[in-house]
Amino acid sequence: MHTSPTSDLAWMFSPLVNIFLHPYIMVADVTVSGLNILSTYKGSPEATATLSGTSMASPHTAGLMAYLLSIYPSPQFNPKFDEKYNVISLQDQHSFDAYSVLRDSLPSWISYYMPSPRLLEALTAPIPGKTLTPLQLKKAIAVLASQGILSDLPEDTVNLLIFNNATA
């Protein structure tokens, strides 16, 4: 992870600086917004501050990981991997939801008393046999990231900006 290089200030906080100084350090997999972030702050319950750096990008990344783990497995996020842990798909593939079709086709006075499709989905959601590994979660986040939207990046720098609303 490195912060988005929208100005020279971003490079002060970026682990990519170390790549140029120490070429054996690992390259970042994704970019995270970390410049001029409005955040809560100390001093009072209403205090805010505009801050920059990995201390702003890291909570965004941790929050995305926590969110994805909280909805795993679900129709919106149930990644499948091949034997090399490459992402094959991120969502369950359903041809159609028979319950929703049936409920929508009934008169409204009947469907009003039926459980919502979301409740039925929650009650029948798969229970994971095991959780995602850190490597699987990292690969899923890279697939969910917005590609190619950053400019002025050094050559051979990954152009994947993590996105925290990809499953909505």
C-alpha atoms as a PDB file:
ATOM      1  CA  MET A   1       0.000   0.000   0.000  1.00  0.00           C
ATOM      2  CA  HIS A   2       1.145   3.525  -0.661  1.00  0.00           C
ATOM      3  CA  THR A   3      -0.613   6.838  -0.495  1.00  0.00           C
ATOM      4  CA  SER A   4      -1.946   8.440  -3.628  1.00  0.00           C
ATOM      5  CA  PRO A   5       0.715  10.678  -5.183  1.00  0.00           C
ATOM      6  CA  THR A   6      -1.419  13.723  -5.952  1.00  0.00           C
ATOM      7  CA  SER A   7       1.353  16.073  -4.885  1.00  0.00           C
ATOM      8  CA  ASP A   8       4.978  16.052  -3.788  1.00  0.00           C
ATOM      9  CA  LEU A   9       3.750  15.895  -0.187  1.00  0.00           C
ATOM     10  CA  ALA A  10       2.351  12.400  -0.790  1.00  0.00           C
ATOM     11  CA  TRP A  11       5.808  11.091  -1.639  1.00  0.00           C
ATOM     12  CA  MET A  12       7.059  12.061   1.813  1.00  0.00           C
ATOM     13  CA  PHE A  13       4.692   9.489   3.305  1.00  0.00           C
ATOM     14  CA  SER A  14       4.979   6.824   0.630  1.00  0.00           C
ATOM     15  CA  PRO A  15       6.833   3.537   1.062  1.00  0.00           C
ATOM     16  CA  LEU A  16       7.668   3.914  -2.646  1.00  0.00           C
ATOM     17  CA  VAL A  17      10.346   6.412  -1.644  1.00  0.00           C
ATOM     18  CA  ASN A  18      12.163   3.479  -0.086  1.00  0.00           C
ATOM     19  CA  ILE A  19      11.996   1.501  -3.337  1.00  0.00           C
ATOM     20  CA  PHE A  20      14.172   4.053  -5.057  1.00  0.00           C
ATOM     21  CA  LEU A  21      16.598   4.190  -2.142  1.00  0.00           C
ATOM     22  CA  HIS A  22      16.490   0.466  -1.316  1.00  0.00           C
ATOM     23  CA  PRO A  23      15.577  -1.561  -4.448  1.00  0.00           C
ATOM     24  CA  TYR A  24      15.113  -4.825  -2.527  1.00  0.00           C
ATOM     25  CA  ILE A  25      12.064  -3.588  -0.611  1.00  0.00           C
ATOM     26  CA  MET A  26       8.740  -5.013  -1.792  1.00  0.00           C
ATOM     27  CA  VAL A  27       6.635  -2.953  -4.200  1.00  0.00           C
ATOM     28  CA  ALA A  28       3.185  -1.796  -3.095  1.00  0.00           C
ATOM     29  CA  ASP A  29       0.206  -3.818  -4.381  1.00  0.00           C
ATOM     30  CA  VAL A  30      -2.409  -1.044  -4.227  1.00  0.00           C
ATOM     31  CA  THR A  31      -2.674   2.700  -3.793  1.00  0.00           C
ATOM     32  CA  VAL A  32      -4.830   4.252  -1.071  1.00  0.00           C
ATOM     33  CA  SER A  33      -6.006   7.812  -0.710  1.00  0.00           C
ATOM     34  CA  GLY A  34      -4.045   9.393   2.123  1.00  0.00           C
ATOM     35  CA  LEU A  35      -3.642  13.068   1.265  1.00  0.00           C
ATOM     36  CA  ASN A  36      -5.763  15.834   2.840  1.00  0.00           C
ATOM     37  CA  ILE A  37      -8.207  13.497   4.607  1.00  0.00           C
ATOM     38  CA  LEU A  38     -10.758  15.079   6.943  1.00  0.00           C
ATOM     39  CA  SER A  39     -10.555  13.077  10.169  1.00  0.00           C
ATOM     40  CA  THR A  40     -11.764  13.166  13.733  1.00  0.00           C
ATOM     41  CA  TYR A  41      -9.197  14.636  16.070  1.00  0.00           C
ATOM     42  CA  LYS A  42      -8.291  15.069  19.710  1.00  0.00           C
ATOM     43  CA  GLY A  43      -9.447  17.895  21.958  1.00  0.00           C
ATOM     44  CA  SER A  44     -13.219  17.592  21.849  1.00  0.00           C
ATOM     45  CA  PRO A  45     -15.922  15.248  20.540  1.00  0.00           C
ATOM     46  CA  GLU A  46     -16.454  17.616  17.589  1.00  0.00           C
ATOM     47  CA  ALA A  47     -12.764  18.182  16.768  1.00  0.00           C
ATOM     48  CA  THR A  48     -11.605  17.495  13.206  1.00  0.00           C
ATOM     49  CA  ALA A  49      -8.353  17.952  11.327  1.00  0.00           C
ATOM     50  CA  THR A  50      -7.181  17.539   7.751  1.00  0.00           C
ATOM     51  CA  LEU A  51      -4.315  15.058   7.851  1.00  0.00           C
ATOM     52  CA  SER A  52      -2.111  13.281   5.320  1.00  0.00           C
ATOM     53  CA  GLY A  53      -0.005  10.149   5.150  1.00  0.00           C
ATOM     54  CA  THR A  54      -0.148   6.445   5.733  1.00  0.00           C
ATOM     55  CA  SER A  55      -1.841   7.130   9.078  1.00  0.00           C
ATOM     56  CA  MET A  56      -4.848   8.180   6.990  1.00  0.00           C
ATOM     57  CA  ALA A  57      -4.509   5.482   4.327  1.00  0.00           C
ATOM     58  CA  SER A  58      -4.076   2.591   6.764  1.00  0.00           C
ATOM     59  CA  PRO A  59      -7.464   2.992   8.514  1.00  0.00           C
ATOM     60  CA  HIS A  60      -9.151   3.128   5.118  1.00  0.00           C
ATOM     61  CA  THR A  61      -7.481  -0.146   4.149  1.00  0.00           C
ATOM     62  CA  ALA A  62      -8.195  -1.816   7.497  1.00  0.00           C
ATOM     63  CA  GLY A  63     -11.821  -0.702   7.292  1.00  0.00           C
ATOM     64  CA  LEU A  64     -12.185  -2.168   3.809  1.00  0.00           C
ATOM     65  CA  MET A  65     -10.690  -5.471   4.965  1.00  0.00           C
ATOM     66  CA  ALA A  66     -12.973  -5.576   8.020  1.00  0.00           C
ATOM     67  CA  TYR A  67     -16.007  -4.780   5.866  1.00  0.00           C
ATOM     68  CA  LEU A  68     -15.203  -7.512   3.343  1.00  0.00           C
ATOM     69  CA  LEU A  69     -14.598 -10.068   6.089  1.00  0.00           C
ATOM     70  CA  SER A  70     -17.896  -9.079   7.751  1.00  0.00           C
ATOM     71  CA  ILE A  71     -19.923  -9.821   4.604  1.00  0.00           C
ATOM     72  CA  TYR A  72     -18.001 -12.984   3.668  1.00  0.00           C
ATOM     73  CA  PRO A  73     -19.511 -15.226   2.450  1.00  0.00           C
ATOM     74  CA  SER A  74     -22.481 -13.509   0.848  1.00  0.00           C
ATOM     75  CA  PRO A  75     -23.867 -13.183  -2.660  1.00  0.00           C
ATOM     76  CA  GLN A  76     -22.084  -9.813  -2.883  1.00  0.00           C
ATOM     77  CA  PHE A  77     -18.677 -11.093  -1.737  1.00  0.00           C
ATOM     78  CA  ASN A  78     -17.803 -14.772  -1.941  1.00  0.00           C
ATOM     79  CA  PRO A  79     -14.529 -14.963  -3.849  1.00  0.00           C
ATOM     80  CA  LYS A  80     -13.427 -18.146  -5.547  1.00  0.00           C
ATOM     81  CA  PHE A  81      -9.752 -18.837  -6.201  1.00  0.00           C
ATOM     82  CA  ASP A  82      -7.761 -21.188  -8.395  1.00  0.00           C
ATOM     83  CA  GLU A  83      -4.934 -23.368  -7.061  1.00  0.00           C
ATOM     84  CA  LYS A  84      -2.486 -20.425  -7.278  1.00  0.00           C
ATOM     85  CA  TYR A  85      -4.885 -18.161  -5.320  1.00  0.00           C
ATOM     86  CA  ASN A  86      -5.782 -16.075  -8.364  1.00  0.00           C
ATOM     87  CA  VAL A  87      -9.316 -14.684  -8.122  1.00  0.00           C
ATOM     88  CA  ILE A  88     -11.741 -16.511 -10.418  1.00  0.00           C
ATOM     89  CA  SER A  89     -14.882 -14.672  -9.273  1.00  0.00           C
ATOM     90  CA  LEU A  90     -15.901 -12.358  -6.438  1.00  0.00           C
ATOM     91  CA  GLN A  91     -19.622 -13.063  -6.264  1.00  0.00           C
ATOM     92  CA  ASP A  92     -21.895 -16.072  -6.251  1.00  0.00           C
ATOM     93  CA  GLN A  93     -23.278 -16.624  -9.717  1.00  0.00           C
ATOM     94  CA  HIS A  94     -27.080 -16.878  -9.563  1.00  0.00           C
ATOM     95  CA  SER A  95     -29.168 -17.099 -12.721  1.00  0.00           C
ATOM     96  CA  PHE A  96     -32.178 -15.602 -10.902  1.00  0.00           C
ATOM     97  CA  ASP A  97     -33.742 -15.371  -7.469  1.00  0.00           C
ATOM     98  CA  ALA A  98     -36.959 -17.444  -7.638  1.00  0.00           C
ATOM     99  CA  TYR A  99     -38.301 -16.100  -4.335  1.00  0.00           C
ATOM    100  CA  SER A 100     -37.990 -12.464  -5.448  1.00  0.00           C
ATOM    101  CA  VAL A 101     -39.661 -13.226  -8.775  1.00  0.00           C
ATOM    102  CA  LEU A 102     -42.528 -15.020  -7.027  1.00  0.00           C
ATOM    103  CA  ARG A 103     -42.963 -12.298  -4.388  1.00  0.00           C
ATOM    104  CA  ASP A 104     -42.981  -9.539  -7.008  1.00  0.00           C
ATOM    105  CA  SER A 105     -45.558 -11.349  -9.137  1.00  0.00           C
ATOM    106  CA  LEU A 106     -48.108 -11.664  -6.321  1.00  0.00           C
ATOM    107  CA  PRO A 107     -50.657  -8.974  -5.470  1.00  0.00           C
ATOM    108  CA  SER A 108     -49.148  -6.372  -3.155  1.00  0.00           C
ATOM    109  CA  TRP A 109     -51.543  -7.188  -0.318  1.00  0.00           C
ATOM    110  CA  ILE A 110     -50.100 -10.732  -0.240  1.00  0.00           C
ATOM    111  CA  SER A 111     -46.422  -9.865  -0.782  1.00  0.00           C
ATOM    112  CA  TYR A 112     -46.702  -7.215   1.958  1.00  0.00           C
ATOM    113  CA  TYR A 113     -46.923 -10.027   4.540  1.00  0.00           C
ATOM    114  CA  MET A 114     -44.086 -12.093   3.097  1.00  0.00           C
ATOM    115  CA  PRO A 115     -40.496 -11.710   4.343  1.00  0.00           C
ATOM    116  CA  SER A 116     -38.301  -9.476   2.239  1.00  0.00           C
ATOM    117  CA  PRO A 117     -35.830 -11.168  -0.092  1.00  0.00           C
ATOM    118  CA  ARG A 118     -32.990  -9.609   1.922  1.00  0.00           C
ATOM    119  CA  LEU A 119     -34.186 -11.307   5.110  1.00  0.00           C
ATOM    120  CA  LEU A 120     -34.449 -14.623   3.329  1.00  0.00           C
ATOM    121  CA  GLU A 121     -30.951 -14.081   1.912  1.00  0.00           C
ATOM    122  CA  ALA A 122     -29.570 -13.378   5.393  1.00  0.00           C
ATOM    123  CA  LEU A 123     -31.218 -16.474   6.838  1.00  0.00           C
ATOM    124  CA  THR A 124     -29.893 -18.723   4.078  1.00  0.00           C
ATOM    125  CA  ALA A 125     -26.420 -17.184   3.693  1.00  0.00           C
ATOM    126  CA  PRO A 126     -23.652 -19.750   3.522  1.00  0.00           C
ATOM    127  CA  ILE A 127     -21.617 -20.342   6.644  1.00  0.00           C
ATOM    128  CA  PRO A 128     -17.917 -20.287   5.835  1.00  0.00           C
ATOM    129  CA  GLY A 129     -15.956 -23.426   6.502  1.00  0.00           C
ATOM    130  CA  LYS A 130     -12.978 -21.181   7.059  1.00  0.00           C
ATOM    131  CA  THR A 131     -12.181 -17.521   6.639  1.00  0.00           C
ATOM    132  CA  LEU A 132     -10.153 -15.940   3.869  1.00  0.00           C
ATOM    133  CA  THR A 133      -6.396 -16.027   4.225  1.00  0.00           C
ATOM    134  CA  PRO A 134      -4.516 -12.712   4.193  1.00  0.00           C
ATOM    135  CA  LEU A 135      -3.231 -13.543   0.695  1.00  0.00           C
ATOM    136  CA  GLN A 136      -6.759 -14.252  -0.586  1.00  0.00           C
ATOM    137  CA  LEU A 137      -8.076 -11.028   0.952  1.00  0.00           C
ATOM    138  CA  LYS A 138      -5.207  -9.049  -0.576  1.00  0.00           C
ATOM    139  CA  LYS A 139      -5.899 -10.518  -4.024  1.00  0.00           C
ATOM    140  CA  ALA A 140      -9.634  -9.806  -3.723  1.00  0.00           C
ATOM    141  CA  ILE A 141      -8.937  -6.177  -2.765  1.00  0.00           C
ATOM    142  CA  ALA A 142      -6.665  -5.805  -5.801  1.00  0.00           C
ATOM    143  CA  VAL A 143      -9.419  -7.145  -8.090  1.00  0.00           C
ATOM    144  CA  LEU A 144     -11.978  -4.758  -6.539  1.00  0.00           C
ATOM    145  CA  ALA A 145      -9.640  -1.760  -6.949  1.00  0.00           C
ATOM    146  CA  SER A 146     -10.246   0.944  -9.544  1.00  0.00           C
ATOM    147  CA  GLN A 147      -7.683   0.512 -12.303  1.00  0.00           C
ATOM    148  CA  GLY A 148      -5.806   3.180 -14.233  1.00  0.00           C
ATOM    149  CA  ILE A 149      -7.358   6.315 -12.719  1.00  0.00           C
ATOM    150  CA  LEU A 150      -4.222   7.817 -11.162  1.00  0.00           C
ATOM    151  CA  SER A 151      -1.866   9.949 -13.212  1.00  0.00           C
ATOM    152  CA  ASP A 152       1.741  11.097 -12.886  1.00  0.00           C
ATOM    153  CA  LEU A 153       2.919   7.814 -11.378  1.00  0.00           C
ATOM    154  CA  PRO A 154       6.498   6.641 -11.790  1.00  0.00           C
ATOM    155  CA  GLU A 155       6.990   3.961 -14.416  1.00  0.00           C
ATOM    156  CA  ASP A 156       6.259   0.406 -13.195  1.00  0.00           C
ATOM    157  CA  THR A 157       4.145   1.701 -10.297  1.00  0.00           C
ATOM    158  CA  VAL A 158       0.906  -0.168  -9.750  1.00  0.00           C
ATOM    159  CA  ASN A 159      -2.172   1.900 -10.688  1.00  0.00           C
ATOM    160  CA  LEU A 160      -4.831   0.270  -8.487  1.00  0.00           C
ATOM    161  CA  LEU A 161      -6.752   2.587  -6.158  1.00  0.00           C
ATOM    162  CA  ILE A 162      -8.630   0.644  -3.484  1.00  0.00           C
ATOM    163  CA  PHE A 163     -12.349   1.266  -3.484  1.00  0.00           C
ATOM    164  CA  ASN A 164     -14.547   0.709  -0.434  1.00  0.00           C
ATOM    165  CA  ASN A 165     -17.952   0.540  -2.085  1.00  0.00           C
ATOM    166  CA  ALA A 166     -17.426  -2.020  -4.814  1.00  0.00           C
ATOM    167  CA  THR A 167     -19.934  -4.516  -3.404  1.00  0.00           C
ATOM    168  CA  ALA A 168     -22.860  -2.125  -2.906  1.00  0.00           C
END
